[in-house]
Structures are given as C-alpha cells and as structure tokens.
C-alpha cells in the first residue's frame, strides 16, 4: 500500500483532509446546534493525530522523493485549508509516478541459501 514515501504522503493527506472536513462540517455543527460537545473532542483528537502523521510523512518524503522546498511548503499549507490536499493530489501523483518503487528485500535464508 505504501510502497513509496509519496504514496504514504498522499494517503495521509487525503485521510487528514477528510478528517478536517468531518470536523468542520459535521462535528462543529453538532457541537453548537446539537449540544453534543464530545463529538468535537473525539473528532478533533483523531484529526490531530492524522495531522501529525501527515507532517511526519511530509518530512520523510522531502529528501528521498526530491520534492522542491516551495512545493513542500505548498503541500503543508494546503493541509491547513479545507479541500486543499484534494487540489494538490494530482501533482503528488505525478511525483509518485517518477519515484522508483524499491525492490522487495530478501530474507537472510534466501541470501544464504
């Protein structure tokens, strides 16, 4: 599933974007109009975990995938805007096509034997 750092980044960007939209358009109205503050607590927690994972994936993808610094900044800033990661996904997919998929590693038994 996550054969390249860019694929990991794309997957986490989409998951983080969906969690952000759920937080903004489902959990927040339920908190203020439905009187259910716990929805925001748990949705916000999940979104925070996904955002930190996304930032880590971005940091781990910059050098192996040779992402330009300005583009990396755009990817980060897009995560702060609703629907932002969906807009940059096409460019990330192009970087993913250029990134070589590493060969599967061999176990010690296969090497020795």
PDB file of N, CA and C in Angstrom:
ATOM      1  N   UNK A   1       0.814  -1.185   0.000  1.00  0.00           N
ATOM      2  CA  UNK A   1       0.000   0.000   0.000  1.00  0.00           C
ATOM      3  C   UNK A   1       0.864   1.258   0.000  1.00  0.00           C
ATOM      4  N   UNK A   2       1.857   1.305   0.850  1.00  0.00           N
ATOM      5  CA  UNK A   2       2.714   2.486   0.943  1.00  0.00           C
ATOM      6  C   UNK A   2       4.099   2.135   0.433  1.00  0.00           C
ATOM      7  N   UNK A   3       4.216   1.851  -0.860  1.00  0.00           N
ATOM      8  CA  UNK A   3       5.491   1.412  -1.411  1.00  0.00           C
ATOM      9  C   UNK A   3       6.491   2.550  -1.573  1.00  0.00           C
ATOM     10  N   UNK A   4       6.011   3.766  -1.635  1.00  0.00           N
ATOM     11  CA  UNK A   4       6.903   4.920  -1.772  1.00  0.00           C
ATOM     12  C   UNK A   4       6.537   5.970  -0.723  1.00  0.00           C
ATOM     13  N   UNK A   5       7.465   6.853  -0.387  1.00  0.00           N
ATOM     14  CA  UNK A   5       7.151   7.926   0.562  1.00  0.00           C
ATOM     15  C   UNK A   5       6.046   8.859   0.056  1.00  0.00           C
ATOM     16  N   UNK A   6       5.967   9.048  -1.262  1.00  0.00           N
ATOM     17  CA  UNK A   6       4.937   9.920  -1.822  1.00  0.00           C
ATOM     18  C   UNK A   6       3.564   9.265  -1.677  1.00  0.00           C
ATOM     19  N   UNK A   7       3.491   7.977  -1.881  1.00  0.00           N
ATOM     20  CA  UNK A   7       2.206   7.289  -1.721  1.00  0.00           C
ATOM     21  C   UNK A   7       1.727   7.363  -0.270  1.00  0.00           C
ATOM     22  N   UNK A   8       2.658   7.219   0.662  1.00  0.00           N
ATOM     23  CA  UNK A   8       2.318   7.365   2.080  1.00  0.00           C
ATOM     24  C   UNK A   8       1.815   8.782   2.351  1.00  0.00           C
ATOM     25  N   UNK A   9       2.503   9.760   1.796  1.00  0.00           N
ATOM     26  CA  UNK A   9       2.110  11.155   1.976  1.00  0.00           C
ATOM     27  C   UNK A   9       0.728  11.418   1.384  1.00  0.00           C
ATOM     28  N   UNK A  10       0.478  10.915   0.185  1.00  0.00           N
ATOM     29  CA  UNK A  10      -0.825  11.119  -0.452  1.00  0.00           C
ATOM     30  C   UNK A  10      -1.943  10.491   0.365  1.00  0.00           C
ATOM     31  N   UNK A  11      -1.733   9.279   0.850  1.00  0.00           N
ATOM     32  CA  UNK A  11      -2.753   8.586   1.630  1.00  0.00           C
ATOM     33  C   UNK A  11      -3.065   9.347   2.911  1.00  0.00           C
ATOM     34  N   UNK A  12      -2.025   9.772   3.612  1.00  0.00           N
ATOM     35  CA  UNK A  12      -2.242  10.513   4.852  1.00  0.00           C
ATOM     36  C   UNK A  12      -2.833  11.901   4.583  1.00  0.00           C
ATOM     37  N   UNK A  13      -2.482  12.520   3.468  1.00  0.00           N
ATOM     38  CA  UNK A  13      -3.045  13.833   3.133  1.00  0.00           C
ATOM     39  C   UNK A  13      -4.549  13.721   2.907  1.00  0.00           C
ATOM     40  N   UNK A  14      -4.974  12.682   2.193  1.00  0.00           N
ATOM     41  CA  UNK A  14      -6.406  12.508   1.940  1.00  0.00           C
ATOM     42  C   UNK A  14      -7.134  12.173   3.237  1.00  0.00           C
ATOM     43  N   UNK A  15      -6.558  11.305   4.064  1.00  0.00           N
ATOM     44  CA  UNK A  15      -7.188  10.960   5.348  1.00  0.00           C
ATOM     45  C   UNK A  15      -7.288  12.189   6.247  1.00  0.00           C
ATOM     46  N   UNK A  16      -6.237  12.987   6.277  1.00  0.00           N
ATOM     47  CA  UNK A  16      -6.237  14.197   7.098  1.00  0.00           C
ATOM     48  C   UNK A  16      -7.257  15.200   6.571  1.00  0.00           C
ATOM     49  N   UNK A  17      -7.378  15.320   5.256  1.00  0.00           N
ATOM     50  CA  UNK A  17      -8.346  16.250   4.667  1.00  0.00           C
ATOM     51  C   UNK A  17      -9.782  15.815   4.979  1.00  0.00           C
ATOM     52  N   UNK A  18     -10.041  14.536   4.903  1.00  0.00           N
ATOM     53  CA  UNK A  18     -11.382  14.036   5.219  1.00  0.00           C
ATOM     54  C   UNK A  18     -11.698  14.284   6.691  1.00  0.00           C
ATOM     55  N   UNK A  19     -10.735  14.032   7.568  1.00  0.00           N
ATOM     56  CA  UNK A  19     -10.982  14.262   8.996  1.00  0.00           C
ATOM     57  C   UNK A  19     -11.215  15.743   9.279  1.00  0.00           C
ATOM     58  N   UNK A  20     -10.533  16.615   8.558  1.00  0.00           N
ATOM     59  CA  UNK A  20     -10.722  18.057   8.724  1.00  0.00           C
ATOM     60  C   UNK A  20     -12.128  18.475   8.289  1.00  0.00           C
ATOM     61  N   UNK A  21     -12.571  17.926   7.161  1.00  0.00           N
ATOM     62  CA  UNK A  21     -13.910  18.246   6.680  1.00  0.00           C
ATOM     63  C   UNK A  21     -14.985  17.713   7.626  1.00  0.00           C
ATOM     64  N   UNK A  22     -14.778  16.518   8.161  1.00  0.00           N
ATOM     65  CA  UNK A  22     -15.721  15.966   9.138  1.00  0.00           C
ATOM     66  C   UNK A  22     -15.759  16.854  10.378  1.00  0.00           C
ATOM     67  N   UNK A  23     -14.592  17.297  10.812  1.00  0.00           N
ATOM     68  CA  UNK A  23     -14.534  18.175  11.983  1.00  0.00           C
ATOM     69  C   UNK A  23     -15.280  19.485  11.731  1.00  0.00           C
ATOM     70  N   UNK A  24     -15.041  20.098  10.577  1.00  0.00           N
ATOM     71  CA  UNK A  24     -15.647  21.399  10.291  1.00  0.00           C
ATOM     72  C   UNK A  24     -17.141  21.331   9.984  1.00  0.00           C
ATOM     73  N   UNK A  25     -17.536  20.346   9.175  1.00  0.00           N
ATOM     74  CA  UNK A  25     -18.895  20.356   8.642  1.00  0.00           C
ATOM     75  C   UNK A  25     -19.857  19.381   9.316  1.00  0.00           C
ATOM     76  N   UNK A  26     -19.360  18.503  10.162  1.00  0.00           N
ATOM     77  CA  UNK A  26     -20.245  17.583  10.888  1.00  0.00           C
ATOM     78  C   UNK A  26     -20.120  17.798  12.395  1.00  0.00           C
ATOM     79  N   UNK A  27     -18.892  17.725  12.910  1.00  0.00           N
ATOM     80  CA  UNK A  27     -18.711  17.792  14.365  1.00  0.00           C
ATOM     81  C   UNK A  27     -19.015  19.175  14.932  1.00  0.00           C
ATOM     82  N   UNK A  28     -18.544  20.226  14.272  1.00  0.00           N
ATOM     83  CA  UNK A  28     -18.788  21.576  14.797  1.00  0.00           C
ATOM     84  C   UNK A  28     -20.280  21.936  14.807  1.00  0.00           C
ATOM     85  N   UNK A  29     -21.043  21.668  13.746  1.00  0.00           N
ATOM     86  CA  UNK A  29     -22.486  21.927  13.838  1.00  0.00           C
ATOM     87  C   UNK A  29     -23.170  21.089  14.922  1.00  0.00           C
ATOM     88  N   UNK A  30     -22.725  19.848  15.098  1.00  0.00           N
ATOM     89  CA  UNK A  30     -23.307  19.028  16.164  1.00  0.00           C
ATOM     90  C   UNK A  30     -22.997  19.612  17.536  1.00  0.00           C
ATOM     91  N   UNK A  31     -21.826  20.220  17.678  1.00  0.00           N
ATOM     92  CA  UNK A  31     -21.472  20.819  18.957  1.00  0.00           C
ATOM     93  C   UNK A  31     -22.350  22.036  19.258  1.00  0.00           C
ATOM     94  N   UNK A  32     -22.461  22.946  18.292  1.00  0.00           N
ATOM     95  CA  UNK A  32     -23.138  24.204  18.549  1.00  0.00           C
ATOM     96  C   UNK A  32     -24.651  24.142  18.353  1.00  0.00           C
ATOM     97  N   UNK A  33     -25.123  23.362  17.403  1.00  0.00           N
ATOM     98  CA  UNK A  33     -26.558  23.303  17.158  1.00  0.00           C
ATOM     99  C   UNK A  33     -27.216  22.077  17.787  1.00  0.00           C
ATOM    100  N   UNK A  34     -26.418  21.042  18.009  1.00  0.00           N
ATOM    101  CA  UNK A  34     -26.975  19.820  18.563  1.00  0.00           C
ATOM    102  C   UNK A  34     -26.666  19.604  20.031  1.00  0.00           C
ATOM    103  N   UNK A  35     -25.822  20.467  20.596  1.00  0.00           N
ATOM    104  CA  UNK A  35     -25.472  20.336  22.001  1.00  0.00           C
ATOM    105  C   UNK A  35     -24.688  19.077  22.320  1.00  0.00           C
ATOM    106  N   UNK A  36     -23.811  18.670  21.409  1.00  0.00           N
ATOM    107  CA  UNK A  36     -23.012  17.452  21.588  1.00  0.00           C
ATOM    108  C   UNK A  36     -21.522  17.787  21.528  1.00  0.00           C
ATOM    109  N   UNK A  37     -20.947  18.352  22.599  1.00  0.00           N
ATOM    110  CA  UNK A  37     -19.546  18.789  22.553  1.00  0.00           C
ATOM    111  C   UNK A  37     -18.534  17.641  22.476  1.00  0.00           C
ATOM    112  N   UNK A  38     -18.928  16.446  22.896  1.00  0.00           N
ATOM    113  CA  UNK A  38     -17.984  15.322  22.845  1.00  0.00           C
ATOM    114  C   UNK A  38     -17.622  14.922  21.421  1.00  0.00           C
ATOM    115  N   UNK A  39     -18.502  15.200  20.466  1.00  0.00           N
ATOM    116  CA  UNK A  39     -18.207  14.856  19.069  1.00  0.00           C
ATOM    117  C   UNK A  39     -16.959  15.601  18.601  1.00  0.00           C
ATOM    118  N   UNK A  40     -16.856  16.882  18.955  1.00  0.00           N
ATOM    119  CA  UNK A  40     -15.693  17.676  18.561  1.00  0.00           C
ATOM    120  C   UNK A  40     -14.445  17.185  19.284  1.00  0.00           C
ATOM    121  N   UNK A  41     -14.607  16.792  20.523  1.00  0.00           N
ATOM    122  CA  UNK A  41     -13.457  16.317  21.294  1.00  0.00           C
ATOM    123  C   UNK A  41     -12.801  15.121  20.609  1.00  0.00           C
ATOM    124  N   UNK A  42     -13.587  14.135  20.244  1.00  0.00           N
ATOM    125  CA  UNK A  42     -13.017  12.918  19.660  1.00  0.00           C
ATOM    126  C   UNK A  42     -12.639  13.090  18.189  1.00  0.00           C
ATOM    127  N   UNK A  43     -13.435  13.832  17.450  1.00  0.00           N
ATOM    128  CA  UNK A  43     -13.098  14.087  16.054  1.00  0.00           C
ATOM    129  C   UNK A  43     -11.846  14.956  15.963  1.00  0.00           C
ATOM    130  N   UNK A  44     -11.742  15.939  16.838  1.00  0.00           N
ATOM    131  CA  UNK A  44     -10.551  16.795  16.865  1.00  0.00           C
ATOM    132  C   UNK A  44      -9.303  16.035  17.248  1.00  0.00           C
ATOM    133  N   UNK A  45      -9.457  15.104  18.178  1.00  0.00           N
ATOM    134  CA  UNK A  45      -8.315  14.278  18.576  1.00  0.00           C
ATOM    135  C   UNK A  45      -7.842  13.427  17.399  1.00  0.00           C
ATOM    136  N   UNK A  46      -8.789  12.791  16.703  1.00  0.00           N
ATOM    137  CA  UNK A  46      -8.425  11.957  15.547  1.00  0.00           C
ATOM    138  C   UNK A  46      -7.782  12.809  14.456  1.00  0.00           C
ATOM    139  N   UNK A  47      -8.338  13.989  14.218  1.00  0.00           N
ATOM    140  CA  UNK A  47      -7.763  14.879  13.210  1.00  0.00           C
ATOM    141  C   UNK A  47      -6.345  15.312  13.608  1.00  0.00           C
ATOM    142  N   UNK A  48      -6.134  15.592  14.880  1.00  0.00           N
ATOM    143  CA  UNK A  48      -4.799  15.975  15.343  1.00  0.00           C
ATOM    144  C   UNK A  48      -3.773  14.878  15.133  1.00  0.00           C
ATOM    145  N   UNK A  49      -4.150  13.650  15.411  1.00  0.00           N
ATOM    146  CA  UNK A  49      -3.241  12.515  15.195  1.00  0.00           C
ATOM    147  C   UNK A  49      -2.920  12.379  13.710  1.00  0.00           C
ATOM    148  N   UNK A  50      -3.936  12.484  12.858  1.00  0.00           N
ATOM    149  CA  UNK A  50      -3.701  12.389  11.414  1.00  0.00           C
ATOM    150  C   UNK A  50      -2.862  13.552  10.903  1.00  0.00           C
ATOM    151  N   UNK A  51      -3.047  14.747  11.461  1.00  0.00           N
ATOM    152  CA  UNK A  51      -2.251  15.894  11.029  1.00  0.00           C
ATOM    153  C   UNK A  51      -0.778  15.706  11.391  1.00  0.00           C
ATOM    154  N   UNK A  52      -0.515  15.209  12.586  1.00  0.00           N
ATOM    155  CA  UNK A  52       0.873  14.957  12.989  1.00  0.00           C
ATOM    156  C   UNK A  52       1.489  13.864  12.120  1.00  0.00           C
ATOM    157  N   UNK A  53       0.721  12.818  11.820  1.00  0.00           N
ATOM    158  CA  UNK A  53       1.223  11.760  10.932  1.00  0.00           C
ATOM    159  C   UNK A  53       1.499  12.313   9.538  1.00  0.00           C
ATOM    160  N   UNK A  54       0.630  13.186   9.051  1.00  0.00           N
ATOM    161  CA  UNK A  54       0.833  13.823   7.751  1.00  0.00           C
ATOM    162  C   UNK A  54       2.113  14.650   7.746  1.00  0.00           C
ATOM    163  N   UNK A  55       2.332  15.446   8.799  1.00  0.00           N
ATOM    164  CA  UNK A  55       3.553  16.259   8.875  1.00  0.00           C
ATOM    165  C   UNK A  55       4.798  15.372   8.897  1.00  0.00           C
ATOM    166  N   UNK A  56       4.731  14.268   9.620  1.00  0.00           N
ATOM    167  CA  UNK A  56       5.847  13.323   9.633  1.00  0.00           C
ATOM    168  C   UNK A  56       6.086  12.705   8.272  1.00  0.00           C
ATOM    169  N   UNK A  57       5.004  12.333   7.584  1.00  0.00           N
ATOM    170  CA  UNK A  57       5.142  11.757   6.242  1.00  0.00           C
ATOM    171  C   UNK A  57       5.716  12.771   5.267  1.00  0.00           C
ATOM    172  N   UNK A  58       5.324  14.024   5.407  1.00  0.00           N
ATOM    173  CA  UNK A  58       5.887  15.066   4.546  1.00  0.00           C
ATOM    174  C   UNK A  58       7.377  15.232   4.807  1.00  0.00           C
ATOM    175  N   UNK A  59       7.755  15.254   6.079  1.00  0.00           N
ATOM    176  CA  UNK A  59       9.180  15.389   6.422  1.00  0.00           C
ATOM    177  C   UNK A  59       9.991  14.210   5.897  1.00  0.00           C
ATOM    178  N   UNK A  60       9.413  13.012   5.943  1.00  0.00           N
ATOM    179  CA  UNK A  60      10.131  11.826   5.469  1.00  0.00           C
ATOM    180  C   UNK A  60      10.131  11.695   3.949  1.00  0.00           C
ATOM    181  N   UNK A  61       9.282  12.446   3.256  1.00  0.00           N
ATOM    182  CA  UNK A  61       9.219  12.343   1.795  1.00  0.00           C
ATOM    183  C   UNK A  61      10.035  13.406   1.083  1.00  0.00           C
ATOM    184  N   UNK A  62      10.410  14.462   1.775  1.00  0.00           N
ATOM    185  CA  UNK A  62      11.062  15.597   1.101  1.00  0.00           C
ATOM    186  C   UNK A  62      12.369  15.183   0.427  1.00  0.00           C
ATOM    187  N   UNK A  63      13.261  14.535   1.146  1.00  0.00           N
ATOM    188  CA  UNK A  63      14.576  14.227   0.579  1.00  0.00           C
ATOM    189  C   UNK A  63      14.580  12.998  -0.322  1.00  0.00           C
ATOM    190  N   UNK A  64      13.979  11.864   0.072  1.00  0.00           N
ATOM    191  CA  UNK A  64      14.018  10.708  -0.846  1.00  0.00           C
ATOM    192  C   UNK A  64      13.305  10.971  -2.174  1.00  0.00           C
ATOM    193  N   UNK A  65      12.217  11.728  -2.144  1.00  0.00           N
ATOM    194  CA  UNK A  65      11.461  11.992  -3.367  1.00  0.00           C
ATOM    195  C   UNK A  65      11.933  13.251  -4.083  1.00  0.00           C
ATOM    196  N   UNK A  66      12.896  13.955  -3.500  1.00  0.00           N
ATOM    197  CA  UNK A  66      13.447  15.182  -4.077  1.00  0.00           C
ATOM    198  C   UNK A  66      12.355  16.214  -4.361  1.00  0.00           C
ATOM    199  N   UNK A  67      11.483  16.413  -3.370  1.00  0.00           N
ATOM    200  CA  UNK A  67      10.439  17.427  -3.515  1.00  0.00           C
ATOM    201  C   UNK A  67      11.063  18.810  -3.392  1.00  0.00           C
ATOM    202  N   UNK A  68      10.723  19.721  -4.270  1.00  0.00           N
ATOM    203  CA  UNK A  68      11.225  21.088  -4.137  1.00  0.00           C
ATOM    204  C   UNK A  68      10.715  21.716  -2.838  1.00  0.00           C
ATOM    205  N   UNK A  69      11.514  22.592  -2.260  1.00  0.00           N
ATOM    206  CA  UNK A  69      11.171  23.210  -0.987  1.00  0.00           C
ATOM    207  C   UNK A  69       9.864  23.996  -1.067  1.00  0.00           C
ATOM    208  N   UNK A  70       9.690  24.761  -2.153  1.00  0.00           N
ATOM    209  CA  UNK A  70       8.475  25.567  -2.306  1.00  0.00           C
ATOM    210  C   UNK A  70       7.255  24.651  -2.424  1.00  0.00           C
ATOM    211  N   UNK A  71       7.376  23.579  -3.180  1.00  0.00           N
ATOM    212  CA  UNK A  71       6.257  22.647  -3.320  1.00  0.00           C
ATOM    213  C   UNK A  71       5.940  21.968  -1.991  1.00  0.00           C
ATOM    214  N   UNK A  72       6.965  21.627  -1.223  1.00  0.00           N
ATOM    215  CA  UNK A  72       6.750  21.036   0.100  1.00  0.00           C
ATOM    216  C   UNK A  72       5.995  22.008   1.001  1.00  0.00           C
ATOM    217  N   UNK A  73       6.341  23.279   0.914  1.00  0.00           N
ATOM    218  CA  UNK A  73       5.612  24.289   1.664  1.00  0.00           C
ATOM    219  C   UNK A  73       4.166  24.402   1.221  1.00  0.00           C
ATOM    220  N   UNK A  74       3.939  24.283  -0.087  1.00  0.00           N
ATOM    221  CA  UNK A  74       2.564  24.318  -0.598  1.00  0.00           C
ATOM    222  C   UNK A  74       1.763  23.117  -0.088  1.00  0.00           C
ATOM    223  N   UNK A  75       2.396  21.959  -0.029  1.00  0.00           N
ATOM    224  CA  UNK A  75       1.717  20.760   0.479  1.00  0.00           C
ATOM    225  C   UNK A  75       1.330  20.977   1.930  1.00  0.00           C
ATOM    226  N   UNK A  76       2.261  21.520   2.727  1.00  0.00           N
ATOM    227  CA  UNK A  76       1.949  21.782   4.129  1.00  0.00           C
ATOM    228  C   UNK A  76       0.816  22.796   4.263  1.00  0.00           C
ATOM    229  N   UNK A  77       0.907  23.902   3.537  1.00  0.00           N
ATOM    230  CA  UNK A  77      -0.121  24.939   3.630  1.00  0.00           C
ATOM    231  C   UNK A  77      -1.478  24.442   3.134  1.00  0.00           C
ATOM    232  N   UNK A  78      -1.462  23.535   2.164  1.00  0.00           N
ATOM    233  CA  UNK A  78      -2.735  23.009   1.666  1.00  0.00           C
ATOM    234  C   UNK A  78      -3.458  22.207   2.732  1.00  0.00           C
ATOM    235  N   UNK A  79      -2.723  21.643   3.678  1.00  0.00           N
ATOM    236  CA  UNK A  79      -3.372  20.864   4.730  1.00  0.00           C
ATOM    237  C   UNK A  79      -4.107  21.759   5.724  1.00  0.00           C
ATOM    238  N   UNK A  80      -3.834  23.050   5.704  1.00  0.00           N
ATOM    239  CA  UNK A  80      -4.499  23.984   6.603  1.00  0.00           C
ATOM    240  C   UNK A  80      -5.785  24.544   6.011  1.00  0.00           C
ATOM    241  N   UNK A  81      -6.022  24.278   4.734  1.00  0.00           N
ATOM    242  CA  UNK A  81      -7.181  24.798   4.027  1.00  0.00           C
ATOM    243  C   UNK A  81      -8.131  23.640   3.717  1.00  0.00           C
ATOM    244  N   UNK A  82      -9.428  23.799   3.997  1.00  0.00           N
ATOM    245  CA  UNK A  82     -10.356  22.728   3.610  1.00  0.00           C
ATOM    246  C   UNK A  82     -10.277  22.467   2.105  1.00  0.00           C
ATOM    247  N   UNK A  83     -10.280  21.236   1.731  1.00  0.00           N
ATOM    248  CA  UNK A  83     -10.194  20.762   0.345  1.00  0.00           C
ATOM    249  C   UNK A  83      -8.808  20.967  -0.273  1.00  0.00           C
ATOM    250  N   UNK A  84      -7.852  21.521   0.447  1.00  0.00           N
ATOM    251  CA  UNK A  84      -6.518  21.776  -0.097  1.00  0.00           C
ATOM    252  C   UNK A  84      -5.778  20.532  -0.562  1.00  0.00           C
ATOM    253  N   UNK A  85      -5.689  19.479   0.257  1.00  0.00           N
ATOM    254  CA  UNK A  85      -4.968  18.285  -0.201  1.00  0.00           C
ATOM    255  C   UNK A  85      -5.589  17.636  -1.441  1.00  0.00           C
ATOM    256  N   UNK A  86      -6.890  17.783  -1.615  1.00  0.00           N
ATOM    257  CA  UNK A  86      -7.525  17.224  -2.815  1.00  0.00           C
ATOM    258  C   UNK A  86      -7.043  17.952  -4.063  1.00  0.00           C
ATOM    259  N   UNK A  87      -6.785  19.246  -3.931  1.00  0.00           N
ATOM    260  CA  UNK A  87      -6.332  20.041  -5.073  1.00  0.00           C
ATOM    261  C   UNK A  87      -4.896  19.714  -5.478  1.00  0.00           C
ATOM    262  N   UNK A  88      -4.048  19.381  -4.497  1.00  0.00           N
ATOM    263  CA  UNK A  88      -2.642  19.081  -4.807  1.00  0.00           C
ATOM    264  C   UNK A  88      -2.389  17.597  -5.080  1.00  0.00           C
ATOM    265  N   UNK A  89      -3.409  16.775  -4.957  1.00  0.00           N
ATOM    266  CA  UNK A  89      -3.195  15.341  -5.127  1.00  0.00           C
ATOM    267  C   UNK A  89      -2.712  14.986  -6.527  1.00  0.00           C
ATOM    268  N   UNK A  90      -3.167  15.698  -7.534  1.00  0.00           N
ATOM    269  CA  UNK A  90      -2.739  15.408  -8.911  1.00  0.00           C
ATOM    270  C   UNK A  90      -1.229  15.620  -9.069  1.00  0.00           C
ATOM    271  N   UNK A  91      -0.712  16.693  -8.484  1.00  0.00           N
ATOM    272  CA  UNK A  91       0.741  16.952  -8.579  1.00  0.00           C
ATOM    273  C   UNK A  91       1.527  15.930  -7.772  1.00  0.00           C
ATOM    274  N   UNK A  92       0.995  15.541  -6.609  1.00  0.00           N
ATOM    275  CA  UNK A  92       1.674  14.497  -5.831  1.00  0.00           C
ATOM    276  C   UNK A  92       1.664  13.170  -6.578  1.00  0.00           C
ATOM    277  N   UNK A  93       0.582  12.884  -7.282  1.00  0.00           N
ATOM    278  CA  UNK A  93       0.517  11.648  -8.071  1.00  0.00           C
ATOM    279  C   UNK A  93       1.577  11.667  -9.171  1.00  0.00           C
ATOM    280  N   UNK A  94       1.832  12.829  -9.759  1.00  0.00           N
ATOM    281  CA  UNK A  94       2.875  12.935 -10.780  1.00  0.00           C
ATOM    282  C   UNK A  94       4.249  12.661 -10.177  1.00  0.00           C
ATOM    283  N   UNK A  95       4.508  13.176  -8.978  1.00  0.00           N
ATOM    284  CA  UNK A  95       5.769  12.869  -8.305  1.00  0.00           C
ATOM    285  C   UNK A  95       5.860  11.385  -7.972  1.00  0.00           C
ATOM    286  N   UNK A  96       4.731  10.786  -7.626  1.00  0.00           N
ATOM    287  CA  UNK A  96       4.722   9.365  -7.286  1.00  0.00           C
ATOM    288  C   UNK A  96       5.077   8.511  -8.495  1.00  0.00           C
ATOM    289  N   UNK A  97       4.634   8.909  -9.681  1.00  0.00           N
ATOM    290  CA  UNK A  97       4.968   8.147 -10.900  1.00  0.00           C
ATOM    291  C   UNK A  97       6.460   8.206 -11.206  1.00  0.00           C
ATOM    292  N   UNK A  98       7.097   9.321 -10.865  1.00  0.00           N
ATOM    293  CA  UNK A  98       8.528   9.464 -11.126  1.00  0.00           C
ATOM    294  C   UNK A  98       9.384   8.743 -10.102  1.00  0.00           C
ATOM    295  N   UNK A  99       8.824   8.475  -8.935  1.00  0.00           N
ATOM    296  CA  UNK A  99       9.599   7.866  -7.853  1.00  0.00           C
ATOM    297  C   UNK A  99       9.712   6.361  -8.091  1.00  0.00           C
ATOM    298  N   UNK A 100      10.936   5.820  -8.132  1.00  0.00           N
ATOM    299  CA  UNK A 100      11.082   4.382  -8.367  1.00  0.00           C
ATOM    300  C   UNK A 100      10.626   3.572  -7.147  1.00  0.00           C
ATOM    301  N   UNK A 101       9.905   2.495  -7.407  1.00  0.00           N
ATOM    302  CA  UNK A 101       9.469   1.614  -6.330  1.00  0.00           C
ATOM    303  C   UNK A 101      10.642   0.715  -5.966  1.00  0.00           C
ATOM    304  N   UNK A 102      11.032   0.669  -4.686  1.00  0.00           N
ATOM    305  CA  UNK A 102      12.174  -0.149  -4.293  1.00  0.00           C
ATOM    306  C   UNK A 102      11.878  -1.632  -4.467  1.00  0.00           C
ATOM    307  N   UNK A 103      12.937  -2.367  -4.793  1.00  0.00           N
ATOM    308  CA  UNK A 103      12.801  -3.814  -4.939  1.00  0.00           C
ATOM    309  C   UNK A 103      12.519  -4.436  -3.578  1.00  0.00           C
ATOM    310  N   UNK A 104      11.727  -5.517  -3.547  1.00  0.00           N
ATOM    311  CA  UNK A 104      11.470  -6.156  -2.252  1.00  0.00           C
ATOM    312  C   UNK A 104      12.762  -6.710  -1.669  1.00  0.00           C
ATOM    313  N   UNK A 105      12.899  -6.551  -0.368  1.00  0.00           N
ATOM    314  CA  UNK A 105      14.118  -7.038   0.279  1.00  0.00           C
ATOM    315  C   UNK A 105      14.056  -8.546   0.427  1.00  0.00           C
ATOM    316  N   UNK A 106      15.217  -9.163   0.383  1.00  0.00           N
ATOM    317  CA  UNK A 106      15.295 -10.628   0.511  1.00  0.00           C
ATOM    318  C   UNK A 106      15.632 -10.987   1.925  1.00  0.00           C
ATOM    319  N   UNK A 107      15.105 -12.102   2.390  1.00  0.00           N
ATOM    320  CA  UNK A 107      15.381 -12.543   3.757  1.00  0.00           C
ATOM    321  C   UNK A 107      16.763 -13.164   3.821  1.00  0.00           C
ATOM    322  N   UNK A 108      17.273 -13.365   5.017  1.00  0.00           N
ATOM    323  CA  UNK A 108      18.611 -13.945   5.184  1.00  0.00           C
ATOM    324  C   UNK A 108      18.661 -15.378   4.670  1.00  0.00           C
ATOM    325  N   UNK A 109      17.563 -16.121   4.792  1.00  0.00           N
ATOM    326  CA  UNK A 109      17.541 -17.508   4.319  1.00  0.00           C
ATOM    327  C   UNK A 109      17.686 -17.562   2.797  1.00  0.00           C
ATOM    328  N   UNK A 110      17.057 -16.616   2.084  1.00  0.00           N
ATOM    329  CA  UNK A 110      17.156 -16.594   0.638  1.00  0.00           C
ATOM    330  C   UNK A 110      18.571 -16.227   0.203  1.00  0.00           C
ATOM    331  N   UNK A 111      19.199 -15.325   0.924  1.00  0.00           N
ATOM    332  CA  UNK A 111      20.554 -14.898   0.582  1.00  0.00           C
ATOM    333  C   UNK A 111      21.548 -16.013   0.871  1.00  0.00           C
ATOM    334  N   UNK A 112      21.403 -16.672   2.002  1.00  0.00           N
ATOM    335  CA  UNK A 112      22.351 -17.707   2.416  1.00  0.00           C
ATOM    336  C   UNK A 112      22.170 -18.996   1.635  1.00  0.00           C
ATOM    337  N   UNK A 113      20.986 -19.190   1.186  1.00  0.00           N
ATOM    338  CA  UNK A 113      20.767 -20.412   0.682  1.00  0.00           C
ATOM    339  C   UNK A 113      20.485 -21.161  -0.392  1.00  0.00           C
TER     340      UNK A 113
END
